[in-house]
Amino acid sequence: MLISQKCQYALRAIFELAKRREDGPVKIADIAEAQAIPKRFLEVILSQLKQGSFVTSQRGSEGGYTMARVPSDLSVGEIIRFIQGPIGPVDCLATESSEKCPLYGDCVFLPMWQEAADAISEVYDKTTFQDLVERDAQRQNQYIASYTI
C-alpha cells in the first residue's frame, strides 16, 4: 500500500500542529512553509481534517489551525484511514465482495495479505504524533550535538 501524496501532506500538517501545540493557532502559510506543502492543497486538506474533527480553526488576525486532540491521543493510522481509507496491500481486504476478485472467499493469498495489513496497521496505529514530535526533537538534538565541539 502506497501512502498518497495527499495523505503524506495531511500527516505532515498534523505533525507541524503537534510540534507547535503550545504556540496557539498556526497559520496555513506557516504550516505550508515548514512542511513544504503547496498552500492551496493544504487549505483543502485542513478543511477535510477539520470535518473529521482532527483540527480546529480560529478566524482573524491571530487565527489559524490547532489540533483538536492531544498529540499522544492521535495515531498516524487514524489519519491515514481518514484520508485514504483502509490500510492494506490489496483491495479485497477493504471490501467484502466478489465484485473485485472472482476468488474472494477462496483465496490462498488472503491470509498472507491480512497478515501484512495487520503488521502495517500495528506500526501506524502504535505511532502517535507525540512519538513523532519526540523523535524530531531527538533528531534535532543529535544534529546540534554533532556540530558542537
N, C-alpha and C. Protein backbone atom coordinates (compact mmCIF):
# COMPACT_ATOMS: atom_id res chain seq x y z
N MET A 1 0.83 -1.17 0.00
CA MET A 1 0.00 0.00 0.00
C MET A 1 0.88 1.25 0.00
N LEU A 2 0.68 2.07 -0.96
CA LEU A 2 1.41 3.32 -1.02
C LEU A 2 0.58 4.41 -0.34
N ILE A 3 1.25 5.25 0.40
CA ILE A 3 0.59 6.39 1.02
C ILE A 3 0.57 7.51 -0.01
N SER A 4 -0.63 8.01 -0.31
CA SER A 4 -0.77 9.05 -1.33
C SER A 4 -0.08 10.34 -0.90
N GLN A 5 0.20 11.19 -1.86
CA GLN A 5 0.82 12.48 -1.56
C GLN A 5 -0.11 13.29 -0.67
N LYS A 6 -1.39 13.27 -0.95
CA LYS A 6 -2.36 13.99 -0.13
C LYS A 6 -2.28 13.52 1.32
N CYS A 7 -2.20 12.22 1.53
CA CYS A 7 -2.13 11.66 2.87
C CYS A 7 -0.81 12.06 3.55
N GLN A 8 0.27 12.04 2.81
CA GLN A 8 1.55 12.48 3.38
C GLN A 8 1.47 13.94 3.82
N TYR A 9 0.84 14.78 3.00
CA TYR A 9 0.67 16.18 3.37
C TYR A 9 -0.18 16.31 4.63
N ALA A 10 -1.24 15.53 4.73
CA ALA A 10 -2.10 15.57 5.91
C ALA A 10 -1.32 15.18 7.16
N LEU A 11 -0.52 14.13 7.04
CA LEU A 11 0.30 13.69 8.17
C LEU A 11 1.30 14.78 8.57
N ARG A 12 1.92 15.40 7.58
CA ARG A 12 2.90 16.45 7.87
C ARG A 12 2.24 17.68 8.49
N ALA A 13 1.03 18.00 8.04
CA ALA A 13 0.30 19.15 8.62
C ALA A 13 -0.03 18.88 10.08
N ILE A 14 -0.54 17.70 10.38
CA ILE A 14 -0.85 17.35 11.76
C ILE A 14 0.43 17.34 12.60
N PHE A 15 1.50 16.81 12.04
CA PHE A 15 2.79 16.80 12.74
C PHE A 15 3.22 18.22 13.10
N GLU A 16 3.11 19.14 12.15
CA GLU A 16 3.52 20.52 12.40
C GLU A 16 2.65 21.15 13.49
N LEU A 17 1.36 20.86 13.48
CA LEU A 17 0.48 21.37 14.53
C LEU A 17 0.84 20.76 15.88
N ALA A 18 1.23 19.49 15.88
CA ALA A 18 1.64 18.84 17.12
C ALA A 18 2.90 19.50 17.68
N LYS A 19 3.85 19.81 16.80
CA LYS A 19 5.09 20.47 17.23
C LYS A 19 4.81 21.85 17.83
N ARG A 20 3.82 22.52 17.29
CA ARG A 20 3.53 23.89 17.70
C ARG A 20 2.31 23.98 18.62
N ARG A 21 1.95 22.90 19.22
CA ARG A 21 0.73 22.83 20.03
C ARG A 21 0.68 23.92 21.10
N GLU A 22 1.79 24.21 21.71
CA GLU A 22 1.83 25.20 22.80
C GLU A 22 1.82 26.64 22.28
N ASP A 23 1.98 26.83 20.98
CA ASP A 23 2.09 28.17 20.41
C ASP A 23 0.75 28.80 20.06
N GLY A 24 -0.33 28.07 20.17
CA GLY A 24 -1.63 28.58 19.75
C GLY A 24 -1.87 28.30 18.28
N PRO A 25 -2.88 28.95 17.70
CA PRO A 25 -3.22 28.69 16.30
C PRO A 25 -2.05 28.97 15.35
N VAL A 26 -1.90 28.09 14.36
CA VAL A 26 -0.82 28.19 13.38
C VAL A 26 -1.42 28.52 12.02
N LYS A 27 -0.88 29.52 11.38
CA LYS A 27 -1.39 29.94 10.07
C LYS A 27 -1.03 28.92 8.99
N ILE A 28 -1.91 28.84 8.00
CA ILE A 28 -1.71 27.92 6.88
C ILE A 28 -0.36 28.16 6.22
N ALA A 29 -0.01 29.42 6.02
CA ALA A 29 1.25 29.74 5.35
C ALA A 29 2.45 29.20 6.13
N ASP A 30 2.37 29.25 7.45
CA ASP A 30 3.47 28.76 8.28
C ASP A 30 3.59 27.23 8.21
N ILE A 31 2.46 26.55 8.22
CA ILE A 31 2.46 25.09 8.08
C ILE A 31 3.01 24.71 6.72
N ALA A 32 2.51 25.38 5.69
CA ALA A 32 2.93 25.10 4.31
C ALA A 32 4.43 25.28 4.14
N GLU A 33 4.96 26.36 4.67
CA GLU A 33 6.39 26.63 4.54
C GLU A 33 7.23 25.61 5.32
N ALA A 34 6.84 25.33 6.54
CA ALA A 34 7.62 24.43 7.39
C ALA A 34 7.64 23.00 6.86
N GLN A 35 6.56 22.58 6.21
CA GLN A 35 6.44 21.19 5.77
C GLN A 35 6.47 21.03 4.25
N ALA A 36 6.78 22.08 3.53
CA ALA A 36 6.89 22.03 2.06
C ALA A 36 5.64 21.47 1.41
N ILE A 37 4.50 22.06 1.79
CA ILE A 37 3.21 21.65 1.25
C ILE A 37 2.65 22.82 0.45
N PRO A 38 2.18 22.60 -0.78
CA PRO A 38 1.56 23.69 -1.53
C PRO A 38 0.38 24.27 -0.74
N LYS A 39 0.36 25.58 -0.58
CA LYS A 39 -0.63 26.25 0.27
C LYS A 39 -2.07 25.94 -0.16
N ARG A 40 -2.33 25.99 -1.44
CA ARG A 40 -3.69 25.74 -1.94
C ARG A 40 -4.15 24.32 -1.60
N PHE A 41 -3.26 23.37 -1.75
CA PHE A 41 -3.58 21.98 -1.44
C PHE A 41 -3.76 21.81 0.07
N LEU A 42 -2.96 22.50 0.84
CA LEU A 42 -3.05 22.42 2.30
C LEU A 42 -4.39 22.95 2.79
N GLU A 43 -4.90 23.99 2.18
CA GLU A 43 -6.21 24.53 2.56
C GLU A 43 -7.29 23.46 2.45
N VAL A 44 -7.27 22.70 1.37
CA VAL A 44 -8.25 21.64 1.15
C VAL A 44 -8.08 20.53 2.19
N ILE A 45 -6.84 20.15 2.44
CA ILE A 45 -6.54 19.08 3.39
C ILE A 45 -6.97 19.49 4.80
N LEU A 46 -6.64 20.71 5.21
CA LEU A 46 -7.02 21.16 6.55
C LEU A 46 -8.54 21.24 6.70
N SER A 47 -9.23 21.63 5.66
CA SER A 47 -10.68 21.65 5.68
C SER A 47 -11.23 20.24 5.91
N GLN A 48 -10.66 19.28 5.22
CA GLN A 48 -11.07 17.88 5.38
C GLN A 48 -10.75 17.39 6.80
N LEU A 49 -9.57 17.72 7.30
CA LEU A 49 -9.20 17.32 8.66
C LEU A 49 -10.10 17.98 9.70
N LYS A 50 -10.56 19.19 9.41
CA LYS A 50 -11.49 19.88 10.31
C LYS A 50 -12.83 19.15 10.32
N GLN A 51 -13.30 18.73 9.16
CA GLN A 51 -14.55 17.99 9.09
C GLN A 51 -14.46 16.67 9.86
N GLY A 52 -13.26 16.09 9.91
CA GLY A 52 -13.05 14.86 10.65
C GLY A 52 -12.77 15.08 12.13
N SER A 53 -12.83 16.32 12.57
CA SER A 53 -12.59 16.70 13.97
C SER A 53 -11.17 16.41 14.44
N PHE A 54 -10.22 16.48 13.54
CA PHE A 54 -8.81 16.31 13.90
C PHE A 54 -8.15 17.66 14.20
N VAL A 55 -8.67 18.72 13.56
CA VAL A 55 -8.15 20.06 13.78
C VAL A 55 -9.32 21.02 14.01
N THR A 56 -9.00 22.15 14.61
CA THR A 56 -9.96 23.23 14.75
C THR A 56 -9.35 24.47 14.13
N SER A 57 -10.20 25.41 13.78
CA SER A 57 -9.70 26.65 13.19
C SER A 57 -10.24 27.84 13.96
N GLN A 58 -9.48 28.91 13.87
CA GLN A 58 -9.86 30.16 14.50
C GLN A 58 -9.66 31.26 13.47
N ARG A 59 -10.66 32.06 13.27
CA ARG A 59 -10.57 33.15 12.30
C ARG A 59 -9.89 34.37 12.91
N GLY A 60 -9.50 35.27 12.03
CA GLY A 60 -8.96 36.54 12.47
C GLY A 60 -7.46 36.63 12.33
N SER A 61 -6.94 37.79 12.69
CA SER A 61 -5.51 38.04 12.52
C SER A 61 -4.67 37.15 13.42
N GLU A 62 -5.20 36.72 14.53
CA GLU A 62 -4.49 35.80 15.43
C GLU A 62 -4.95 34.36 15.21
N GLY A 63 -5.67 34.14 14.13
CA GLY A 63 -6.25 32.84 13.87
C GLY A 63 -5.29 31.86 13.23
N GLY A 64 -5.83 30.69 12.93
CA GLY A 64 -5.07 29.62 12.32
C GLY A 64 -5.66 28.29 12.73
N TYR A 65 -4.85 27.27 12.69
CA TYR A 65 -5.30 25.91 13.00
C TYR A 65 -4.59 25.36 14.22
N THR A 66 -5.30 24.54 14.96
CA THR A 66 -4.74 23.81 16.10
C THR A 66 -5.25 22.38 16.04
N MET A 67 -4.54 21.49 16.72
CA MET A 67 -5.00 20.11 16.83
C MET A 67 -6.22 20.07 17.75
N ALA A 68 -7.18 19.25 17.41
CA ALA A 68 -8.37 19.10 18.24
C ALA A 68 -8.14 18.11 19.38
N ARG A 69 -7.11 17.31 19.26
CA ARG A 69 -6.76 16.33 20.29
C ARG A 69 -5.30 16.49 20.68
N VAL A 70 -4.95 15.94 21.82
CA VAL A 70 -3.54 15.99 22.21
C VAL A 70 -2.76 15.01 21.33
N PRO A 71 -1.51 15.34 21.01
CA PRO A 71 -0.72 14.51 20.10
C PRO A 71 -0.56 13.05 20.56
N SER A 72 -0.56 12.83 21.86
CA SER A 72 -0.39 11.45 22.36
C SER A 72 -1.65 10.61 22.18
N ASP A 73 -2.77 11.24 21.84
CA ASP A 73 -4.03 10.52 21.65
C ASP A 73 -4.43 10.39 20.19
N LEU A 74 -3.54 10.74 19.29
CA LEU A 74 -3.85 10.66 17.86
C LEU A 74 -2.77 9.86 17.16
N SER A 75 -3.17 8.78 16.51
CA SER A 75 -2.19 7.92 15.82
C SER A 75 -2.12 8.25 14.33
N VAL A 76 -1.00 7.90 13.77
CA VAL A 76 -0.79 8.04 12.33
C VAL A 76 -1.84 7.23 11.57
N GLY A 77 -2.15 6.03 12.08
CA GLY A 77 -3.13 5.17 11.43
C GLY A 77 -4.50 5.81 11.30
N GLU A 78 -4.91 6.57 12.30
CA GLU A 78 -6.22 7.24 12.24
C GLU A 78 -6.27 8.23 11.08
N ILE A 79 -5.20 8.98 10.90
CA ILE A 79 -5.17 9.97 9.82
C ILE A 79 -5.12 9.27 8.46
N ILE A 80 -4.31 8.23 8.35
CA ILE A 80 -4.23 7.50 7.08
C ILE A 80 -5.60 6.95 6.69
N ARG A 81 -6.28 6.30 7.63
CA ARG A 81 -7.60 5.74 7.33
C ARG A 81 -8.61 6.82 6.97
N PHE A 82 -8.52 7.96 7.64
CA PHE A 82 -9.47 9.04 7.36
C PHE A 82 -9.25 9.62 5.97
N ILE A 83 -8.01 9.86 5.62
CA ILE A 83 -7.70 10.49 4.33
C ILE A 83 -7.76 9.50 3.18
N GLN A 84 -7.25 8.31 3.40
CA GLN A 84 -7.01 7.38 2.30
C GLN A 84 -7.88 6.13 2.32
N GLY A 85 -8.44 5.80 3.47
CA GLY A 85 -9.25 4.60 3.57
C GLY A 85 -8.50 3.47 4.24
N PRO A 86 -9.03 2.25 4.13
CA PRO A 86 -8.44 1.11 4.84
C PRO A 86 -6.98 0.88 4.47
N ILE A 87 -6.24 0.38 5.45
CA ILE A 87 -4.82 0.08 5.25
C ILE A 87 -4.70 -1.37 4.83
N GLY A 88 -4.09 -1.60 3.69
CA GLY A 88 -3.91 -2.97 3.24
C GLY A 88 -3.22 -3.04 1.90
N PRO A 89 -2.60 -4.18 1.62
CA PRO A 89 -1.84 -4.31 0.37
C PRO A 89 -2.71 -4.61 -0.85
N VAL A 90 -3.95 -5.05 -0.64
CA VAL A 90 -4.82 -5.39 -1.77
C VAL A 90 -6.24 -4.91 -1.50
N ASP A 91 -6.99 -4.64 -2.57
CA ASP A 91 -8.35 -4.12 -2.44
C ASP A 91 -9.31 -5.10 -1.79
N CYS A 92 -9.11 -6.39 -1.98
CA CYS A 92 -10.09 -7.35 -1.49
C CYS A 92 -10.20 -7.36 0.03
N LEU A 93 -9.21 -6.84 0.72
CA LEU A 93 -9.30 -6.75 2.18
C LEU A 93 -10.25 -5.64 2.61
N ALA A 94 -10.39 -4.63 1.77
CA ALA A 94 -11.22 -3.48 2.10
C ALA A 94 -12.69 -3.71 1.80
N THR A 95 -12.99 -4.64 0.91
CA THR A 95 -14.38 -4.89 0.54
C THR A 95 -14.71 -6.36 0.72
N GLU A 96 -15.86 -6.60 1.27
CA GLU A 96 -16.30 -7.99 1.43
C GLU A 96 -17.25 -8.31 0.27
N SER A 97 -16.67 -8.44 -0.89
CA SER A 97 -17.46 -8.64 -2.08
C SER A 97 -16.66 -9.37 -3.14
N SER A 98 -17.35 -10.16 -3.93
CA SER A 98 -16.69 -10.86 -5.02
C SER A 98 -16.59 -9.98 -6.27
N GLU A 99 -17.07 -8.75 -6.18
CA GLU A 99 -17.00 -7.85 -7.33
C GLU A 99 -15.56 -7.53 -7.72
N LYS A 100 -14.69 -7.42 -6.75
CA LYS A 100 -13.30 -7.07 -7.02
C LYS A 100 -12.47 -8.27 -7.46
N CYS A 101 -12.81 -9.47 -6.95
CA CYS A 101 -11.99 -10.65 -7.23
C CYS A 101 -12.86 -11.89 -7.33
N PRO A 102 -12.72 -12.64 -8.41
CA PRO A 102 -13.53 -13.86 -8.56
C PRO A 102 -13.14 -14.96 -7.56
N LEU A 103 -11.99 -14.83 -6.91
CA LEU A 103 -11.55 -15.83 -5.93
C LEU A 103 -11.89 -15.43 -4.50
N TYR A 104 -12.63 -14.34 -4.34
CA TYR A 104 -12.93 -13.86 -3.00
C TYR A 104 -13.56 -14.97 -2.16
N GLY A 105 -13.02 -15.14 -0.97
CA GLY A 105 -13.53 -16.16 -0.05
C GLY A 105 -12.84 -17.50 -0.20
N ASP A 106 -12.13 -17.70 -1.30
CA ASP A 106 -11.43 -18.97 -1.53
C ASP A 106 -10.06 -18.69 -2.13
N CYS A 107 -9.32 -17.82 -1.46
CA CYS A 107 -8.03 -17.38 -1.99
C CYS A 107 -6.92 -17.77 -1.04
N VAL A 108 -5.94 -18.47 -1.54
CA VAL A 108 -4.81 -18.92 -0.73
C VAL A 108 -3.94 -17.74 -0.26
N PHE A 109 -4.00 -16.64 -0.97
CA PHE A 109 -3.19 -15.47 -0.62
C PHE A 109 -3.81 -14.62 0.48
N LEU A 110 -5.12 -14.72 0.69
CA LEU A 110 -5.82 -13.85 1.61
C LEU A 110 -5.22 -13.82 3.02
N PRO A 111 -4.88 -14.95 3.63
CA PRO A 111 -4.27 -14.89 4.97
C PRO A 111 -2.94 -14.12 4.98
N MET A 112 -2.16 -14.26 3.93
CA MET A 112 -0.90 -13.54 3.84
C MET A 112 -1.15 -12.04 3.71
N TRP A 113 -2.11 -11.68 2.85
CA TRP A 113 -2.44 -10.26 2.69
C TRP A 113 -2.92 -9.69 4.02
N GLN A 114 -3.73 -10.44 4.74
CA GLN A 114 -4.25 -9.96 6.01
C GLN A 114 -3.13 -9.78 7.04
N GLU A 115 -2.20 -10.73 7.05
CA GLU A 115 -1.06 -10.64 7.97
C GLU A 115 -0.22 -9.39 7.68
N ALA A 116 -0.01 -9.12 6.40
CA ALA A 116 0.75 -7.92 6.02
C ALA A 116 0.00 -6.65 6.43
N ALA A 117 -1.29 -6.63 6.19
CA ALA A 117 -2.10 -5.46 6.57
C ALA A 117 -2.08 -5.25 8.07
N ASP A 118 -2.17 -6.33 8.83
CA ASP A 118 -2.15 -6.23 10.29
C ASP A 118 -0.80 -5.69 10.79
N ALA A 119 0.29 -6.13 10.17
CA ALA A 119 1.62 -5.68 10.57
C ALA A 119 1.79 -4.18 10.29
N ILE A 120 1.37 -3.76 9.12
CA ILE A 120 1.47 -2.34 8.76
C ILE A 120 0.58 -1.51 9.68
N SER A 121 -0.64 -1.97 9.89
CA SER A 121 -1.56 -1.24 10.76
C SER A 121 -1.02 -1.10 12.17
N GLU A 122 -0.38 -2.14 12.66
CA GLU A 122 0.18 -2.10 14.00
C GLU A 122 1.22 -0.97 14.13
N VAL A 123 2.07 -0.84 13.15
CA VAL A 123 3.08 0.22 13.18
C VAL A 123 2.41 1.58 13.14
N TYR A 124 1.48 1.79 12.22
CA TYR A 124 0.81 3.08 12.10
C TYR A 124 -0.03 3.40 13.33
N ASP A 125 -0.70 2.38 13.87
CA ASP A 125 -1.60 2.61 15.00
C ASP A 125 -0.87 2.84 16.31
N LYS A 126 0.31 2.28 16.45
CA LYS A 126 1.05 2.50 17.71
C LYS A 126 1.90 3.76 17.67
N THR A 127 2.03 4.38 16.51
CA THR A 127 2.81 5.61 16.38
C THR A 127 1.88 6.81 16.53
N THR A 128 2.08 7.55 17.62
CA THR A 128 1.29 8.76 17.83
C THR A 128 2.06 9.97 17.32
N PHE A 129 1.36 11.07 17.21
CA PHE A 129 2.04 12.30 16.80
C PHE A 129 2.97 12.81 17.89
N GLN A 130 2.71 12.45 19.13
CA GLN A 130 3.65 12.78 20.20
C GLN A 130 4.95 12.02 20.01
N ASP A 131 4.85 10.75 19.61
CA ASP A 131 6.06 9.97 19.30
C ASP A 131 6.88 10.66 18.23
N LEU A 132 6.23 11.15 17.20
CA LEU A 132 6.94 11.81 16.10
C LEU A 132 7.57 13.12 16.55
N VAL A 133 6.88 13.88 17.38
CA VAL A 133 7.44 15.12 17.91
C VAL A 133 8.69 14.82 18.72
N GLU A 134 8.62 13.79 19.55
CA GLU A 134 9.79 13.41 20.37
C GLU A 134 10.94 12.92 19.50
N ARG A 135 10.65 12.14 18.47
CA ARG A 135 11.70 11.68 17.55
C ARG A 135 12.36 12.86 16.85
N ASP A 136 11.55 13.83 16.47
CA ASP A 136 12.08 15.01 15.80
C ASP A 136 12.99 15.79 16.75
N ALA A 137 12.58 15.93 17.98
CA ALA A 137 13.41 16.65 18.96
C ALA A 137 14.74 15.92 19.18
N GLN A 138 14.70 14.60 19.27
CA GLN A 138 15.93 13.81 19.42
C GLN A 138 16.84 13.99 18.20
N ARG A 139 16.23 13.95 17.04
CA ARG A 139 16.98 14.12 15.79
C ARG A 139 17.64 15.48 15.75
N GLN A 140 16.90 16.50 16.16
CA GLN A 140 17.44 17.86 16.18
C GLN A 140 18.59 17.97 17.19
N ASN A 141 18.42 17.34 18.35
CA ASN A 141 19.47 17.38 19.37
C ASN A 141 20.73 16.66 18.90
N GLN A 142 20.57 15.55 18.21
CA GLN A 142 21.73 14.81 17.68
C GLN A 142 22.44 15.65 16.63
N TYR A 143 21.68 16.33 15.80
CA TYR A 143 22.25 17.18 14.77
C TYR A 143 23.07 18.30 15.40
N ILE A 144 22.49 18.94 16.41
CA ILE A 144 23.18 20.04 17.09
C ILE A 144 24.43 19.51 17.80
N ALA A 145 24.30 18.36 18.46
CA ALA A 145 25.44 17.79 19.18
C ALA A 145 26.59 17.42 18.24
N SER A 146 26.26 17.03 17.02
CA SER A 146 27.31 16.64 16.08
C SER A 146 28.13 17.84 15.61
N TYR A 147 27.58 19.06 15.75
CA TYR A 147 28.30 20.26 15.34
C TYR A 147 28.87 21.04 16.53
N THR A 148 28.65 20.54 17.72
CA THR A 148 29.17 21.20 18.92
C THR A 148 30.52 20.61 19.29
N ILE A 149 31.45 21.45 19.55
CA ILE A 149 32.80 20.97 19.88
C ILE A 149 32.99 21.00 21.37
